[in-house]
Amino acid sequence: MVERLTVIFFIVLCILLGTYLILSPWDLLFGNWNENYFLALIADRSGVPAIQRTVSSNWFRGAVTGLGVANLAIAFWEAFNFKASVAMLRGESVKRG
């Protein structure tokens, strides 16, 4: 039972994290991506203003969105291979085919 819950929680975590990473760079619901206080603080304290320009660029936003898509792919892969993942956590050998 613990193994099943572990896999279920992992799938839910990947779905939630993937959804957040896909939406957060583009949606104003999570705040303006360019005007992040902590990002400005890090850029100011480090003396490297290029950090803020890099993170604000569309290329970086796309990379973060790509990580979200990868998380969703992992979640769906785990969901389709649920029995194999549970068996692996139990220490059982699983034949695939």
N, C-alpha and C. Protein backbone atom coordinates (compact mmCIF):
# COMPACT_ATOMS: atom_id res chain seq x y z
N MET A 1 0.82 -1.19 0.00
CA MET A 1 0.00 0.00 0.00
C MET A 1 0.86 1.26 0.00
N VAL A 2 1.94 1.24 0.76
CA VAL A 2 2.83 2.40 0.83
C VAL A 2 3.46 2.68 -0.53
N GLU A 3 3.80 1.62 -1.24
CA GLU A 3 4.42 1.80 -2.55
C GLU A 3 3.45 2.46 -3.54
N ARG A 4 2.19 2.04 -3.48
CA ARG A 4 1.18 2.64 -4.37
C ARG A 4 0.99 4.12 -4.05
N LEU A 5 0.89 4.45 -2.77
CA LEU A 5 0.72 5.84 -2.38
C LEU A 5 1.94 6.68 -2.79
N THR A 6 3.13 6.10 -2.68
CA THR A 6 4.34 6.81 -3.08
C THR A 6 4.30 7.16 -4.56
N VAL A 7 3.92 6.21 -5.38
CA VAL A 7 3.85 6.45 -6.82
C VAL A 7 2.74 7.45 -7.13
N ILE A 8 1.61 7.35 -6.46
CA ILE A 8 0.51 8.29 -6.70
C ILE A 8 0.93 9.70 -6.32
N PHE A 9 1.56 9.86 -5.16
CA PHE A 9 2.01 11.19 -4.74
C PHE A 9 3.07 11.75 -5.70
N PHE A 10 3.94 10.88 -6.21
CA PHE A 10 4.95 11.33 -7.18
C PHE A 10 4.29 11.81 -8.47
N ILE A 11 3.28 11.09 -8.92
CA ILE A 11 2.56 11.50 -10.13
C ILE A 11 1.87 12.84 -9.92
N VAL A 12 1.21 13.00 -8.78
CA VAL A 12 0.52 14.26 -8.49
C VAL A 12 1.53 15.41 -8.38
N LEU A 13 2.66 15.15 -7.74
CA LEU A 13 3.70 16.17 -7.62
C LEU A 13 4.21 16.59 -8.99
N CYS A 14 4.46 15.65 -9.86
CA CYS A 14 4.95 15.97 -11.21
C CYS A 14 3.91 16.75 -12.01
N ILE A 15 2.64 16.41 -11.86
CA ILE A 15 1.59 17.13 -12.58
C ILE A 15 1.48 18.57 -12.07
N LEU A 16 1.49 18.74 -10.76
CA LEU A 16 1.38 20.09 -10.20
C LEU A 16 2.59 20.94 -10.54
N LEU A 17 3.78 20.38 -10.38
CA LEU A 17 5.00 21.13 -10.69
C LEU A 17 5.08 21.44 -12.18
N GLY A 18 4.74 20.49 -13.02
CA GLY A 18 4.76 20.72 -14.46
C GLY A 18 3.79 21.81 -14.87
N THR A 19 2.59 21.78 -14.31
CA THR A 19 1.60 22.81 -14.62
C THR A 19 2.09 24.19 -14.17
N TYR A 20 2.67 24.25 -12.99
CA TYR A 20 3.19 25.52 -12.50
C TYR A 20 4.32 26.04 -13.37
N LEU A 21 5.24 25.17 -13.75
CA LEU A 21 6.37 25.60 -14.57
C LEU A 21 5.95 26.01 -15.98
N ILE A 22 4.89 25.42 -16.48
CA ILE A 22 4.40 25.81 -17.79
C ILE A 22 3.71 27.18 -17.73
N LEU A 23 2.91 27.40 -16.70
CA LEU A 23 2.11 28.62 -16.63
C LEU A 23 2.81 29.82 -16.01
N SER A 24 3.68 29.61 -15.04
CA SER A 24 4.23 30.74 -14.28
C SER A 24 5.04 31.74 -15.10
N PRO A 25 5.84 31.35 -16.10
CA PRO A 25 6.57 32.39 -16.83
C PRO A 25 5.68 33.27 -17.71
N TRP A 26 4.49 32.84 -18.05
CA TRP A 26 3.67 33.54 -19.03
C TRP A 26 2.42 34.18 -18.45
N ASP A 27 1.93 33.68 -17.33
CA ASP A 27 0.65 34.12 -16.79
C ASP A 27 0.88 35.13 -15.67
N LEU A 28 0.07 36.18 -15.62
CA LEU A 28 0.19 37.19 -14.57
C LEU A 28 -0.44 36.75 -13.26
N LEU A 29 -1.11 35.60 -13.26
CA LEU A 29 -1.71 35.08 -12.04
C LEU A 29 -0.65 34.86 -10.96
N PHE A 30 0.54 34.44 -11.36
CA PHE A 30 1.62 34.17 -10.43
C PHE A 30 2.52 35.38 -10.21
N GLY A 31 2.16 36.52 -10.75
CA GLY A 31 2.97 37.72 -10.64
C GLY A 31 3.74 37.96 -11.93
N ASN A 32 4.19 39.20 -12.11
CA ASN A 32 4.92 39.55 -13.31
C ASN A 32 6.32 38.93 -13.26
N TRP A 33 6.64 38.13 -14.24
CA TRP A 33 7.92 37.40 -14.28
C TRP A 33 9.10 38.36 -14.30
N ASN A 34 8.97 39.51 -14.97
CA ASN A 34 10.07 40.46 -15.11
C ASN A 34 10.33 41.27 -13.85
N GLU A 35 9.33 41.44 -13.02
CA GLU A 35 9.45 42.30 -11.84
C GLU A 35 9.48 41.48 -10.55
N ASN A 36 10.33 40.49 -10.50
CA ASN A 36 10.46 39.63 -9.35
C ASN A 36 11.41 40.29 -8.35
N TYR A 37 10.95 40.49 -7.12
CA TYR A 37 11.76 41.16 -6.10
C TYR A 37 13.05 40.38 -5.79
N PHE A 38 12.94 39.07 -5.65
CA PHE A 38 14.12 38.28 -5.30
C PHE A 38 15.13 38.25 -6.43
N LEU A 39 14.65 38.25 -7.66
CA LEU A 39 15.54 38.29 -8.81
C LEU A 39 16.30 39.62 -8.85
N ALA A 40 15.59 40.72 -8.60
CA ALA A 40 16.25 42.03 -8.57
C ALA A 40 17.25 42.10 -7.42
N LEU A 41 16.91 41.52 -6.29
CA LEU A 41 17.82 41.52 -5.14
C LEU A 41 19.08 40.73 -5.43
N ILE A 42 18.94 39.56 -6.03
CA ILE A 42 20.10 38.74 -6.38
C ILE A 42 20.98 39.45 -7.40
N ALA A 43 20.37 40.05 -8.41
CA ALA A 43 21.14 40.76 -9.43
C ALA A 43 21.86 41.96 -8.82
N ASP A 44 21.22 42.65 -7.88
CA ASP A 44 21.83 43.82 -7.24
C ASP A 44 22.97 43.40 -6.31
N ARG A 45 22.74 42.40 -5.50
CA ARG A 45 23.76 41.97 -4.53
C ARG A 45 24.97 41.33 -5.19
N SER A 46 24.73 40.62 -6.28
CA SER A 46 25.85 39.94 -6.95
C SER A 46 26.63 40.90 -7.84
N GLY A 47 26.03 42.03 -8.19
CA GLY A 47 26.70 42.98 -9.06
C GLY A 47 26.68 42.56 -10.52
N VAL A 48 25.81 41.61 -10.86
CA VAL A 48 25.71 41.11 -12.23
C VAL A 48 24.27 41.37 -12.72
N PRO A 49 24.03 42.53 -13.34
CA PRO A 49 22.66 42.81 -13.80
C PRO A 49 22.24 41.93 -14.98
N ALA A 50 23.19 41.23 -15.58
CA ALA A 50 22.85 40.33 -16.69
C ALA A 50 21.98 39.17 -16.22
N ILE A 51 22.02 38.85 -14.93
CA ILE A 51 21.18 37.78 -14.38
C ILE A 51 19.70 38.12 -14.60
N GLN A 52 19.33 39.36 -14.27
CA GLN A 52 17.93 39.75 -14.41
C GLN A 52 17.53 39.81 -15.88
N ARG A 53 18.39 40.28 -16.75
CA ARG A 53 18.07 40.32 -18.18
C ARG A 53 17.92 38.91 -18.74
N THR A 54 18.78 38.00 -18.29
CA THR A 54 18.72 36.62 -18.79
C THR A 54 17.45 35.93 -18.35
N VAL A 55 17.11 36.05 -17.08
CA VAL A 55 15.91 35.38 -16.57
C VAL A 55 14.64 36.01 -17.16
N SER A 56 14.69 37.28 -17.50
CA SER A 56 13.53 37.95 -18.09
C SER A 56 13.35 37.66 -19.57
N SER A 57 14.35 37.06 -20.20
CA SER A 57 14.27 36.83 -21.64
C SER A 57 13.27 35.72 -21.97
N ASN A 58 12.76 35.78 -23.18
CA ASN A 58 11.82 34.75 -23.63
C ASN A 58 12.49 33.40 -23.78
N TRP A 59 13.77 33.38 -24.04
CA TRP A 59 14.50 32.10 -24.15
C TRP A 59 14.48 31.37 -22.81
N PHE A 60 14.71 32.08 -21.73
CA PHE A 60 14.71 31.47 -20.41
C PHE A 60 13.30 31.02 -20.03
N ARG A 61 12.32 31.84 -20.36
CA ARG A 61 10.93 31.46 -20.10
C ARG A 61 10.58 30.16 -20.84
N GLY A 62 11.05 30.07 -22.06
CA GLY A 62 10.81 28.85 -22.83
C GLY A 62 11.48 27.64 -22.21
N ALA A 63 12.69 27.84 -21.66
CA ALA A 63 13.39 26.73 -21.00
C ALA A 63 12.63 26.27 -19.76
N VAL A 64 12.09 27.20 -18.99
CA VAL A 64 11.31 26.85 -17.81
C VAL A 64 10.03 26.11 -18.23
N THR A 65 9.41 26.57 -19.30
CA THR A 65 8.23 25.89 -19.82
C THR A 65 8.58 24.48 -20.29
N GLY A 66 9.76 24.32 -20.90
CA GLY A 66 10.22 22.99 -21.31
C GLY A 66 10.40 22.06 -20.14
N LEU A 67 10.90 22.58 -19.02
CA LEU A 67 11.00 21.75 -17.81
C LEU A 67 9.62 21.32 -17.32
N GLY A 68 8.64 22.20 -17.46
CA GLY A 68 7.27 21.84 -17.08
C GLY A 68 6.72 20.73 -17.97
N VAL A 69 6.99 20.82 -19.26
CA VAL A 69 6.55 19.77 -20.18
C VAL A 69 7.23 18.45 -19.84
N ALA A 70 8.52 18.50 -19.49
CA ALA A 70 9.23 17.28 -19.09
C ALA A 70 8.62 16.67 -17.83
N ASN A 71 8.22 17.50 -16.88
CA ASN A 71 7.56 17.00 -15.67
C ASN A 71 6.23 16.33 -15.99
N LEU A 72 5.47 16.91 -16.89
CA LEU A 72 4.20 16.29 -17.28
C LEU A 72 4.44 14.97 -18.01
N ALA A 73 5.49 14.91 -18.83
CA ALA A 73 5.82 13.66 -19.52
C ALA A 73 6.20 12.58 -18.52
N ILE A 74 6.95 12.94 -17.50
CA ILE A 74 7.32 11.98 -16.46
C ILE A 74 6.07 11.49 -15.72
N ALA A 75 5.16 12.40 -15.42
CA ALA A 75 3.93 12.02 -14.71
C ALA A 75 3.11 11.05 -15.54
N PHE A 76 2.95 11.32 -16.83
CA PHE A 76 2.17 10.42 -17.67
C PHE A 76 2.87 9.08 -17.86
N TRP A 77 4.19 9.09 -17.96
CA TRP A 77 4.93 7.84 -18.09
C TRP A 77 4.75 7.00 -16.82
N GLU A 78 4.85 7.63 -15.67
CA GLU A 78 4.65 6.91 -14.41
C GLU A 78 3.23 6.39 -14.29
N ALA A 79 2.25 7.15 -14.76
CA ALA A 79 0.86 6.70 -14.69
C ALA A 79 0.63 5.48 -15.58
N PHE A 80 1.23 5.48 -16.78
CA PHE A 80 1.05 4.34 -17.69
C PHE A 80 1.85 3.12 -17.24
N ASN A 81 2.90 3.32 -16.47
CA ASN A 81 3.72 2.21 -15.97
C ASN A 81 3.57 2.07 -14.45
N PHE A 82 2.36 2.29 -13.96
CA PHE A 82 2.10 2.31 -12.53
C PHE A 82 2.47 0.99 -11.86
N LYS A 83 2.02 -0.12 -12.44
CA LYS A 83 2.29 -1.43 -11.83
C LYS A 83 3.78 -1.74 -11.78
N ALA A 84 4.50 -1.38 -12.83
CA ALA A 84 5.95 -1.63 -12.85
C ALA A 84 6.66 -0.78 -11.80
N SER A 85 6.22 0.46 -11.63
CA SER A 85 6.85 1.33 -10.63
C SER A 85 6.60 0.82 -9.21
N VAL A 86 5.37 0.37 -8.96
CA VAL A 86 5.05 -0.18 -7.64
C VAL A 86 5.87 -1.45 -7.38
N ALA A 87 5.96 -2.32 -8.39
CA ALA A 87 6.75 -3.55 -8.23
C ALA A 87 8.22 -3.24 -7.99
N MET A 88 8.75 -2.22 -8.67
CA MET A 88 10.14 -1.85 -8.47
C MET A 88 10.37 -1.37 -7.04
N LEU A 89 9.43 -0.58 -6.50
CA LEU A 89 9.57 -0.11 -5.13
C LEU A 89 9.46 -1.26 -4.12
N ARG A 90 8.73 -2.30 -4.48
CA ARG A 90 8.63 -3.47 -3.60
C ARG A 90 9.84 -4.35 -3.70
N GLY A 91 10.67 -4.14 -4.70
CA GLY A 91 11.87 -4.96 -4.89
C GLY A 91 11.61 -6.19 -5.73
N GLU A 92 10.50 -6.21 -6.44
CA GLU A 92 10.17 -7.34 -7.29
C GLU A 92 10.71 -7.10 -8.69
N SER A 93 11.00 -8.18 -9.39
CA SER A 93 11.42 -8.05 -10.78
C SER A 93 10.18 -8.05 -11.67
N VAL A 94 10.21 -7.21 -12.69
CA VAL A 94 9.06 -7.06 -13.56
C VAL A 94 9.48 -7.37 -14.98
N LYS A 95 8.68 -8.23 -15.65
CA LYS A 95 8.92 -8.52 -17.06
C LYS A 95 8.13 -7.52 -17.86
N ARG A 96 8.80 -6.89 -18.80
CA ARG A 96 8.13 -5.94 -19.68
C ARG A 96 7.95 -6.57 -21.02
N GLY A 97 6.85 -6.28 -21.62
CA GLY A 97 6.67 -6.85 -22.95
C GLY A 97 5.28 -6.85 -23.43
